[in-house]
Amino acid sequence: MPSAERFAALQTIQRRKPAAVQAPSSLQDIWASDVFSLDRMKEALPRGVFKSIQKTIREGGALDPSVADAVAAAMKDWATSRGALYYAHVFYPLTNLTAEKHDGFITPKSDGRAITEFTGKLLVQGEPDGSSFPNGGLRSTFEARGYTAWDVTSPAWLM
């Protein structure tokens, strides 16, 4: 026989009104809304920079450092305007698992201040284990297992 508390809880659930949900006006309002897509890059980047990105995607090769700086700045502005405070490089170590290295969009300065920053160097290549962190990281630099690298054919996204 059910207890009085259980019966009261069931009655409360049955009387509850569903929460109002506002559906988007169109699928385009939500489709890939958290992806820094080529369309968003085209809007945010100077024409020459965007064309360079397209060429790198199409032909492969290294990304020009000045292009990487412009992309990183636009990507940071887009991400922080949507509430992001951190970024992560997702990588696939030789363990058949995925891993992530998280960083903030800030750079501490010697006078104690911190500035919002995300450079092309940070976008293009990072260290997954932090072996060069000021505190020494997890292991010596020469023992590091590799680097993370941005795949320009895979757009950044927010989670």
N, C-alpha and C. Protein backbone atom coordinates (compact mmCIF):
# COMPACT_ATOMS: atom_id res chain seq x y z
N MET A 1 0.84 -1.19 0.00
CA MET A 1 0.00 0.00 0.00
C MET A 1 0.88 1.25 0.00
N PRO A 2 0.64 2.19 -0.93
CA PRO A 2 1.50 3.37 -1.03
C PRO A 2 1.36 4.28 0.19
N SER A 3 2.47 4.94 0.52
CA SER A 3 2.46 5.86 1.65
C SER A 3 1.74 7.16 1.27
N ALA A 4 1.38 7.93 2.27
CA ALA A 4 0.69 9.20 2.05
C ALA A 4 1.58 10.19 1.29
N GLU A 5 2.90 10.18 1.59
CA GLU A 5 3.81 11.09 0.91
C GLU A 5 3.91 10.75 -0.57
N ARG A 6 3.97 9.47 -0.89
CA ARG A 6 4.05 9.04 -2.28
C ARG A 6 2.78 9.44 -3.03
N PHE A 7 1.62 9.24 -2.39
CA PHE A 7 0.35 9.58 -3.00
C PHE A 7 0.28 11.09 -3.26
N ALA A 8 0.71 11.88 -2.29
CA ALA A 8 0.71 13.35 -2.45
C ALA A 8 1.64 13.76 -3.59
N ALA A 9 2.81 13.12 -3.70
CA ALA A 9 3.75 13.44 -4.77
C ALA A 9 3.15 13.12 -6.13
N LEU A 10 2.47 11.99 -6.24
CA LEU A 10 1.84 11.62 -7.50
C LEU A 10 0.75 12.61 -7.88
N GLN A 11 -0.03 13.06 -6.91
CA GLN A 11 -1.06 14.06 -7.20
C GLN A 11 -0.45 15.38 -7.67
N THR A 12 0.64 15.78 -7.05
CA THR A 12 1.32 17.01 -7.45
C THR A 12 1.80 16.91 -8.89
N ILE A 13 2.37 15.78 -9.25
CA ILE A 13 2.86 15.57 -10.61
C ILE A 13 1.70 15.62 -11.61
N GLN A 14 0.59 15.00 -11.26
CA GLN A 14 -0.56 14.96 -12.18
C GLN A 14 -1.17 16.34 -12.39
N ARG A 15 -1.10 17.22 -11.41
CA ARG A 15 -1.68 18.56 -11.53
C ARG A 15 -0.74 19.55 -12.21
N ARG A 16 0.51 19.19 -12.38
CA ARG A 16 1.50 20.10 -12.94
C ARG A 16 1.18 20.45 -14.38
N LYS A 17 1.34 21.73 -14.71
CA LYS A 17 1.14 22.20 -16.08
C LYS A 17 2.48 22.13 -16.81
N PRO A 18 2.48 21.71 -18.08
CA PRO A 18 3.74 21.66 -18.83
C PRO A 18 4.34 23.05 -18.98
N ALA A 19 5.65 23.12 -18.95
CA ALA A 19 6.35 24.39 -19.14
C ALA A 19 6.15 24.85 -20.57
N ALA A 20 5.97 26.15 -20.72
CA ALA A 20 5.83 26.71 -22.07
C ALA A 20 7.18 26.67 -22.77
N VAL A 21 7.18 26.21 -23.99
CA VAL A 21 8.40 26.14 -24.78
C VAL A 21 8.20 27.00 -26.01
N GLN A 22 9.13 27.90 -26.21
CA GLN A 22 9.05 28.75 -27.39
C GLN A 22 9.88 28.11 -28.50
N ALA A 23 9.22 27.64 -29.50
CA ALA A 23 9.90 27.02 -30.63
C ALA A 23 10.56 28.09 -31.48
N PRO A 24 11.71 27.80 -32.05
CA PRO A 24 12.33 28.78 -32.94
C PRO A 24 11.46 29.02 -34.16
N SER A 25 11.59 30.21 -34.72
CA SER A 25 10.76 30.54 -35.88
C SER A 25 11.14 29.71 -37.10
N SER A 26 12.40 29.26 -37.16
CA SER A 26 12.80 28.42 -38.28
C SER A 26 13.97 27.55 -37.84
N LEU A 27 14.20 26.49 -38.58
CA LEU A 27 15.32 25.60 -38.29
C LEU A 27 16.65 26.34 -38.41
N GLN A 28 16.70 27.32 -39.30
CA GLN A 28 17.94 28.08 -39.49
C GLN A 28 18.32 28.86 -38.23
N ASP A 29 17.33 29.15 -37.36
CA ASP A 29 17.63 29.87 -36.12
C ASP A 29 18.45 29.03 -35.15
N ILE A 30 18.34 27.71 -35.25
CA ILE A 30 19.07 26.87 -34.31
C ILE A 30 20.13 25.98 -34.96
N TRP A 31 20.02 25.74 -36.26
CA TRP A 31 20.96 24.83 -36.92
C TRP A 31 22.37 25.39 -36.87
N ALA A 32 23.27 24.66 -36.26
CA ALA A 32 24.69 25.01 -36.16
C ALA A 32 24.89 26.40 -35.55
N SER A 33 24.00 26.79 -34.66
CA SER A 33 24.11 28.13 -34.07
C SER A 33 25.35 28.26 -33.18
N ASP A 34 25.91 27.16 -32.73
CA ASP A 34 27.10 27.20 -31.88
C ASP A 34 28.35 26.73 -32.62
N VAL A 35 28.37 26.92 -33.93
CA VAL A 35 29.51 26.53 -34.76
C VAL A 35 30.09 27.77 -35.44
N PHE A 36 31.40 27.93 -35.34
CA PHE A 36 32.08 29.02 -36.05
C PHE A 36 32.32 28.54 -37.48
N SER A 37 31.25 28.56 -38.24
CA SER A 37 31.21 27.99 -39.59
C SER A 37 31.92 28.90 -40.60
N LEU A 38 32.05 28.40 -41.81
CA LEU A 38 32.64 29.22 -42.88
C LEU A 38 31.82 30.48 -43.11
N ASP A 39 30.49 30.38 -43.00
CA ASP A 39 29.65 31.57 -43.17
C ASP A 39 29.97 32.62 -42.10
N ARG A 40 30.16 32.16 -40.85
CA ARG A 40 30.48 33.10 -39.77
C ARG A 40 31.89 33.67 -39.97
N MET A 41 32.81 32.81 -40.43
CA MET A 41 34.15 33.31 -40.72
C MET A 41 34.11 34.38 -41.80
N LYS A 42 33.32 34.14 -42.83
CA LYS A 42 33.23 35.09 -43.94
C LYS A 42 32.72 36.44 -43.45
N GLU A 43 31.77 36.42 -42.51
CA GLU A 43 31.23 37.66 -41.95
C GLU A 43 32.26 38.37 -41.07
N ALA A 44 33.07 37.59 -40.34
CA ALA A 44 33.94 38.16 -39.31
C ALA A 44 35.34 38.51 -39.78
N LEU A 45 35.78 37.93 -40.89
CA LEU A 45 37.17 38.11 -41.31
C LEU A 45 37.29 39.04 -42.52
N PRO A 46 38.43 39.72 -42.63
CA PRO A 46 38.69 40.49 -43.85
C PRO A 46 38.70 39.53 -45.06
N ARG A 47 38.36 40.04 -46.20
CA ARG A 47 38.21 39.21 -47.39
C ARG A 47 39.47 38.39 -47.72
N GLY A 48 40.63 39.01 -47.66
CA GLY A 48 41.88 38.32 -47.97
C GLY A 48 42.17 37.19 -46.99
N VAL A 49 41.86 37.41 -45.74
CA VAL A 49 42.07 36.38 -44.71
C VAL A 49 41.13 35.21 -44.96
N PHE A 50 39.87 35.52 -45.26
CA PHE A 50 38.91 34.46 -45.52
C PHE A 50 39.32 33.64 -46.75
N LYS A 51 39.77 34.32 -47.79
CA LYS A 51 40.21 33.60 -49.00
C LYS A 51 41.41 32.70 -48.70
N SER A 52 42.30 33.16 -47.84
CA SER A 52 43.45 32.35 -47.45
C SER A 52 43.00 31.09 -46.69
N ILE A 53 42.02 31.25 -45.81
CA ILE A 53 41.47 30.09 -45.09
C ILE A 53 40.86 29.11 -46.08
N GLN A 54 40.08 29.62 -47.02
CA GLN A 54 39.47 28.74 -48.03
C GLN A 54 40.55 27.98 -48.81
N LYS A 55 41.61 28.66 -49.17
CA LYS A 55 42.69 28.02 -49.92
C LYS A 55 43.36 26.93 -49.08
N THR A 56 43.60 27.22 -47.81
CA THR A 56 44.21 26.23 -46.92
C THR A 56 43.31 25.01 -46.78
N ILE A 57 42.01 25.22 -46.66
CA ILE A 57 41.07 24.10 -46.56
C ILE A 57 41.08 23.29 -47.85
N ARG A 58 41.07 23.97 -48.97
CA ARG A 58 41.00 23.31 -50.28
C ARG A 58 42.29 22.58 -50.64
N GLU A 59 43.43 23.22 -50.39
CA GLU A 59 44.71 22.69 -50.87
C GLU A 59 45.57 22.07 -49.77
N GLY A 60 45.22 22.28 -48.52
CA GLY A 60 46.06 21.79 -47.43
C GLY A 60 47.23 22.73 -47.19
N GLY A 61 48.15 22.30 -46.39
CA GLY A 61 49.32 23.11 -46.10
C GLY A 61 49.19 23.87 -44.80
N ALA A 62 50.25 24.58 -44.47
CA ALA A 62 50.29 25.33 -43.21
C ALA A 62 49.49 26.63 -43.33
N LEU A 63 48.94 27.04 -42.23
CA LEU A 63 48.19 28.28 -42.17
C LEU A 63 49.16 29.42 -41.91
N ASP A 64 49.08 30.48 -42.71
CA ASP A 64 49.93 31.65 -42.54
C ASP A 64 49.72 32.22 -41.13
N PRO A 65 50.80 32.53 -40.39
CA PRO A 65 50.65 33.03 -39.01
C PRO A 65 49.79 34.29 -38.89
N SER A 66 49.88 35.22 -39.84
CA SER A 66 49.05 36.43 -39.76
C SER A 66 47.58 36.09 -39.96
N VAL A 67 47.30 35.11 -40.80
CA VAL A 67 45.92 34.64 -41.00
C VAL A 67 45.42 33.98 -39.72
N ALA A 68 46.27 33.18 -39.10
CA ALA A 68 45.90 32.50 -37.86
C ALA A 68 45.56 33.51 -36.77
N ASP A 69 46.32 34.61 -36.68
CA ASP A 69 46.03 35.65 -35.68
C ASP A 69 44.66 36.27 -35.92
N ALA A 70 44.34 36.57 -37.18
CA ALA A 70 43.04 37.17 -37.50
C ALA A 70 41.90 36.20 -37.20
N VAL A 71 42.08 34.93 -37.54
CA VAL A 71 41.05 33.93 -37.27
C VAL A 71 40.87 33.76 -35.76
N ALA A 72 41.96 33.68 -35.02
CA ALA A 72 41.88 33.52 -33.56
C ALA A 72 41.14 34.69 -32.92
N ALA A 73 41.45 35.91 -33.35
CA ALA A 73 40.78 37.08 -32.79
C ALA A 73 39.28 37.05 -33.09
N ALA A 74 38.92 36.73 -34.33
CA ALA A 74 37.49 36.66 -34.70
C ALA A 74 36.79 35.52 -33.96
N MET A 75 37.48 34.39 -33.84
CA MET A 75 36.90 33.23 -33.15
C MET A 75 36.67 33.56 -31.67
N LYS A 76 37.65 34.21 -31.03
CA LYS A 76 37.52 34.60 -29.62
C LYS A 76 36.36 35.58 -29.45
N ASP A 77 36.28 36.58 -30.32
CA ASP A 77 35.19 37.56 -30.22
C ASP A 77 33.83 36.88 -30.36
N TRP A 78 33.71 35.96 -31.32
CA TRP A 78 32.46 35.23 -31.52
C TRP A 78 32.14 34.38 -30.29
N ALA A 79 33.12 33.64 -29.81
CA ALA A 79 32.89 32.72 -28.68
C ALA A 79 32.55 33.48 -27.41
N THR A 80 33.31 34.55 -27.10
CA THR A 80 33.04 35.29 -25.86
C THR A 80 31.72 36.05 -25.95
N SER A 81 31.31 36.46 -27.14
CA SER A 81 30.02 37.14 -27.28
C SER A 81 28.86 36.17 -27.00
N ARG A 82 29.14 34.88 -27.07
CA ARG A 82 28.14 33.85 -26.79
C ARG A 82 28.32 33.25 -25.41
N GLY A 83 29.18 33.87 -24.58
CA GLY A 83 29.32 33.45 -23.19
C GLY A 83 30.50 32.55 -22.88
N ALA A 84 31.32 32.20 -23.86
CA ALA A 84 32.45 31.32 -23.60
C ALA A 84 33.54 32.06 -22.82
N LEU A 85 34.13 31.38 -21.87
CA LEU A 85 35.24 31.92 -21.09
C LEU A 85 36.52 31.13 -21.32
N TYR A 86 36.37 29.91 -21.81
CA TYR A 86 37.50 28.99 -21.98
C TYR A 86 37.43 28.34 -23.34
N TYR A 87 38.53 27.77 -23.76
CA TYR A 87 38.56 26.98 -24.98
C TYR A 87 39.30 25.69 -24.68
N ALA A 88 39.08 24.72 -25.51
CA ALA A 88 39.76 23.44 -25.34
C ALA A 88 40.20 22.92 -26.70
N HIS A 89 41.36 22.33 -26.72
CA HIS A 89 41.80 21.57 -27.88
C HIS A 89 41.44 20.11 -27.57
N VAL A 90 40.61 19.53 -28.41
CA VAL A 90 40.27 18.11 -28.27
C VAL A 90 41.26 17.35 -29.12
N PHE A 91 41.83 16.30 -28.57
CA PHE A 91 42.81 15.54 -29.32
C PHE A 91 42.63 14.05 -29.06
N TYR A 92 43.29 13.27 -29.87
CA TYR A 92 43.15 11.82 -29.84
C TYR A 92 44.50 11.17 -29.60
N PRO A 93 44.86 10.96 -28.33
CA PRO A 93 46.14 10.33 -28.05
C PRO A 93 46.13 8.87 -28.52
N LEU A 94 47.28 8.26 -28.50
CA LEU A 94 47.40 6.89 -28.99
C LEU A 94 46.86 5.87 -27.97
N THR A 95 45.79 6.23 -27.31
CA THR A 95 45.17 5.34 -26.32
C THR A 95 43.77 4.91 -26.74
N ASN A 96 43.37 5.29 -27.96
CA ASN A 96 42.02 5.03 -28.46
C ASN A 96 40.95 5.75 -27.65
N LEU A 97 41.31 6.81 -26.97
CA LEU A 97 40.38 7.65 -26.21
C LEU A 97 40.53 9.09 -26.69
N THR A 98 39.60 9.94 -26.31
CA THR A 98 39.76 11.36 -26.60
C THR A 98 40.24 12.06 -25.33
N ALA A 99 40.81 13.22 -25.51
CA ALA A 99 41.27 14.02 -24.39
C ALA A 99 41.08 15.49 -24.75
N GLU A 100 41.15 16.35 -23.75
CA GLU A 100 41.01 17.78 -23.97
C GLU A 100 42.00 18.51 -23.10
N LYS A 101 42.49 19.63 -23.61
CA LYS A 101 43.29 20.54 -22.81
C LYS A 101 42.56 21.87 -22.80
N HIS A 102 42.19 22.32 -21.62
CA HIS A 102 41.40 23.55 -21.47
C HIS A 102 42.30 24.72 -21.11
N ASP A 103 41.99 25.88 -21.67
CA ASP A 103 42.67 27.12 -21.35
C ASP A 103 41.63 28.23 -21.31
N GLY A 104 41.99 29.35 -20.70
CA GLY A 104 41.10 30.50 -20.66
C GLY A 104 41.49 31.50 -21.74
N PHE A 105 40.57 32.37 -22.06
CA PHE A 105 40.84 33.43 -23.04
C PHE A 105 41.55 34.60 -22.37
N ILE A 106 42.40 34.32 -21.40
CA ILE A 106 43.12 35.40 -20.73
C ILE A 106 44.61 35.09 -20.72
N THR A 107 45.39 36.14 -20.65
CA THR A 107 46.83 36.01 -20.51
C THR A 107 47.25 36.87 -19.33
N PRO A 108 47.83 36.25 -18.29
CA PRO A 108 48.28 37.05 -17.14
C PRO A 108 49.49 37.91 -17.51
N LYS A 109 49.53 39.11 -16.98
CA LYS A 109 50.64 40.03 -17.22
C LYS A 109 51.49 40.12 -15.95
N SER A 110 52.74 40.56 -16.10
CA SER A 110 53.67 40.59 -14.98
C SER A 110 53.24 41.54 -13.87
N ASP A 111 52.40 42.54 -14.18
CA ASP A 111 51.97 43.49 -13.16
C ASP A 111 50.72 43.03 -12.41
N GLY A 112 50.29 41.78 -12.64
CA GLY A 112 49.13 41.23 -11.93
C GLY A 112 47.83 41.34 -12.68
N ARG A 113 47.82 42.09 -13.79
CA ARG A 113 46.60 42.19 -14.58
C ARG A 113 46.47 40.96 -15.47
N ALA A 114 45.31 40.81 -16.06
CA ALA A 114 45.08 39.76 -17.06
C ALA A 114 44.35 40.42 -18.22
N ILE A 115 44.75 40.07 -19.43
CA ILE A 115 44.08 40.62 -20.61
C ILE A 115 43.40 39.49 -21.37
N THR A 116 42.31 39.82 -22.03
CA THR A 116 41.62 38.85 -22.87
C THR A 116 42.41 38.69 -24.14
N GLU A 117 42.79 37.45 -24.44
CA GLU A 117 43.65 37.23 -25.60
C GLU A 117 43.47 35.80 -26.10
N PHE A 118 43.57 35.65 -27.39
CA PHE A 118 43.62 34.34 -28.04
C PHE A 118 44.37 34.56 -29.34
N THR A 119 45.57 34.06 -29.42
CA THR A 119 46.42 34.34 -30.56
C THR A 119 46.39 33.19 -31.57
N GLY A 120 46.87 33.48 -32.75
CA GLY A 120 46.98 32.45 -33.78
C GLY A 120 47.88 31.31 -33.34
N LYS A 121 48.93 31.64 -32.60
CA LYS A 121 49.84 30.60 -32.11
C LYS A 121 49.09 29.64 -31.19
N LEU A 122 48.24 30.16 -30.31
CA LEU A 122 47.46 29.31 -29.41
C LEU A 122 46.42 28.50 -30.17
N LEU A 123 45.85 29.10 -31.23
CA LEU A 123 44.86 28.41 -32.04
C LEU A 123 45.49 27.25 -32.81
N VAL A 124 46.59 27.53 -33.45
CA VAL A 124 47.17 26.57 -34.38
C VAL A 124 47.87 25.41 -33.68
N GLN A 125 48.58 25.68 -32.59
CA GLN A 125 49.33 24.60 -31.94
C GLN A 125 49.34 24.79 -30.44
N GLY A 126 49.12 23.71 -29.72
CA GLY A 126 49.18 23.73 -28.27
C GLY A 126 49.85 22.48 -27.75
N GLU A 127 50.11 22.48 -26.46
CA GLU A 127 50.71 21.31 -25.83
C GLU A 127 49.64 20.60 -25.01
N PRO A 128 49.36 19.33 -25.29
CA PRO A 128 48.30 18.64 -24.57
C PRO A 128 48.62 18.34 -23.11
N ASP A 129 49.88 18.30 -22.74
CA ASP A 129 50.19 17.92 -21.37
C ASP A 129 50.72 19.06 -20.52
N GLY A 130 50.88 20.23 -21.08
CA GLY A 130 51.31 21.38 -20.29
C GLY A 130 52.74 21.29 -19.81
N SER A 131 53.61 20.61 -20.53
CA SER A 131 54.98 20.44 -20.06
C SER A 131 55.77 21.74 -20.02
N SER A 132 55.30 22.78 -20.70
CA SER A 132 56.01 24.06 -20.66
C SER A 132 55.30 25.10 -19.80
N PHE A 133 54.36 24.67 -18.97
CA PHE A 133 53.69 25.61 -18.07
C PHE A 133 54.73 26.19 -17.11
N PRO A 134 54.50 27.41 -16.60
CA PRO A 134 55.45 28.01 -15.66
C PRO A 134 55.71 27.14 -14.42
N ASN A 135 54.73 26.35 -14.01
CA ASN A 135 54.92 25.52 -12.81
C ASN A 135 55.58 24.19 -13.13
N GLY A 136 55.98 23.99 -14.38
CA GLY A 136 56.65 22.76 -14.75
C GLY A 136 55.76 21.73 -15.38
N GLY A 137 54.46 21.90 -15.25
CA GLY A 137 53.54 20.97 -15.90
C GLY A 137 53.64 19.56 -15.35
N LEU A 138 53.19 18.63 -16.13
CA LEU A 138 53.14 17.24 -15.71
C LEU A 138 54.45 16.50 -15.91
N ARG A 139 55.25 16.94 -16.86
CA ARG A 139 56.50 16.24 -17.16
C ARG A 139 57.46 17.20 -17.83
N SER A 140 58.68 16.81 -17.99
CA SER A 140 59.67 17.65 -18.67
C SER A 140 59.28 17.82 -20.14
N THR A 141 59.66 18.95 -20.71
CA THR A 141 59.31 19.24 -22.10
C THR A 141 59.78 18.14 -23.04
N PHE A 142 60.98 17.61 -22.82
CA PHE A 142 61.49 16.58 -23.73
C PHE A 142 60.70 15.28 -23.63
N GLU A 143 59.89 15.13 -22.58
CA GLU A 143 59.07 13.93 -22.43
C GLU A 143 57.65 14.10 -22.97
N ALA A 144 57.34 15.29 -23.46
CA ALA A 144 55.98 15.55 -23.96
C ALA A 144 55.65 14.59 -25.10
N ARG A 145 54.38 14.17 -25.17
CA ARG A 145 53.97 13.19 -26.18
C ARG A 145 53.59 13.84 -27.51
N GLY A 146 53.53 15.13 -27.58
CA GLY A 146 53.17 15.75 -28.85
C GLY A 146 52.51 17.08 -28.64
N TYR A 147 51.85 17.53 -29.69
CA TYR A 147 51.18 18.83 -29.68
C TYR A 147 49.77 18.67 -30.22
N THR A 148 48.92 19.61 -29.85
CA THR A 148 47.61 19.69 -30.48
C THR A 148 47.75 20.63 -31.67
N ALA A 149 46.93 20.45 -32.67
CA ALA A 149 46.95 21.32 -33.84
C ALA A 149 45.52 21.52 -34.33
N TRP A 150 45.23 22.73 -34.79
CA TRP A 150 43.89 23.03 -35.29
C TRP A 150 43.75 22.47 -36.69
N ASP A 151 42.72 21.68 -36.89
CA ASP A 151 42.37 21.16 -38.22
C ASP A 151 41.44 22.18 -38.85
N VAL A 152 41.94 22.96 -39.83
CA VAL A 152 41.15 24.03 -40.42
C VAL A 152 39.90 23.52 -41.15
N THR A 153 39.85 22.21 -41.45
CA THR A 153 38.66 21.68 -42.11
C THR A 153 37.56 21.34 -41.12
N SER A 154 37.85 21.46 -39.82
CA SER A 154 36.87 21.16 -38.78
C SER A 154 36.60 22.44 -37.99
N PRO A 155 35.40 23.01 -38.13
CA PRO A 155 35.15 24.30 -37.47
C PRO A 155 35.09 24.19 -35.96
N ALA A 156 35.41 25.30 -35.31
CA ALA A 156 35.29 25.39 -33.86
C ALA A 156 33.82 25.42 -33.48
N TRP A 157 33.50 24.95 -32.27
CA TRP A 157 32.11 24.92 -31.81
C TRP A 157 32.06 25.16 -30.33
N LEU A 158 30.90 25.58 -29.86
CA LEU A 158 30.69 25.85 -28.44
C LEU A 158 29.93 24.69 -27.79
N MET A 159 30.27 24.44 -26.56
CA MET A 159 29.55 23.41 -25.81
C MET A 159 29.15 23.99 -24.46
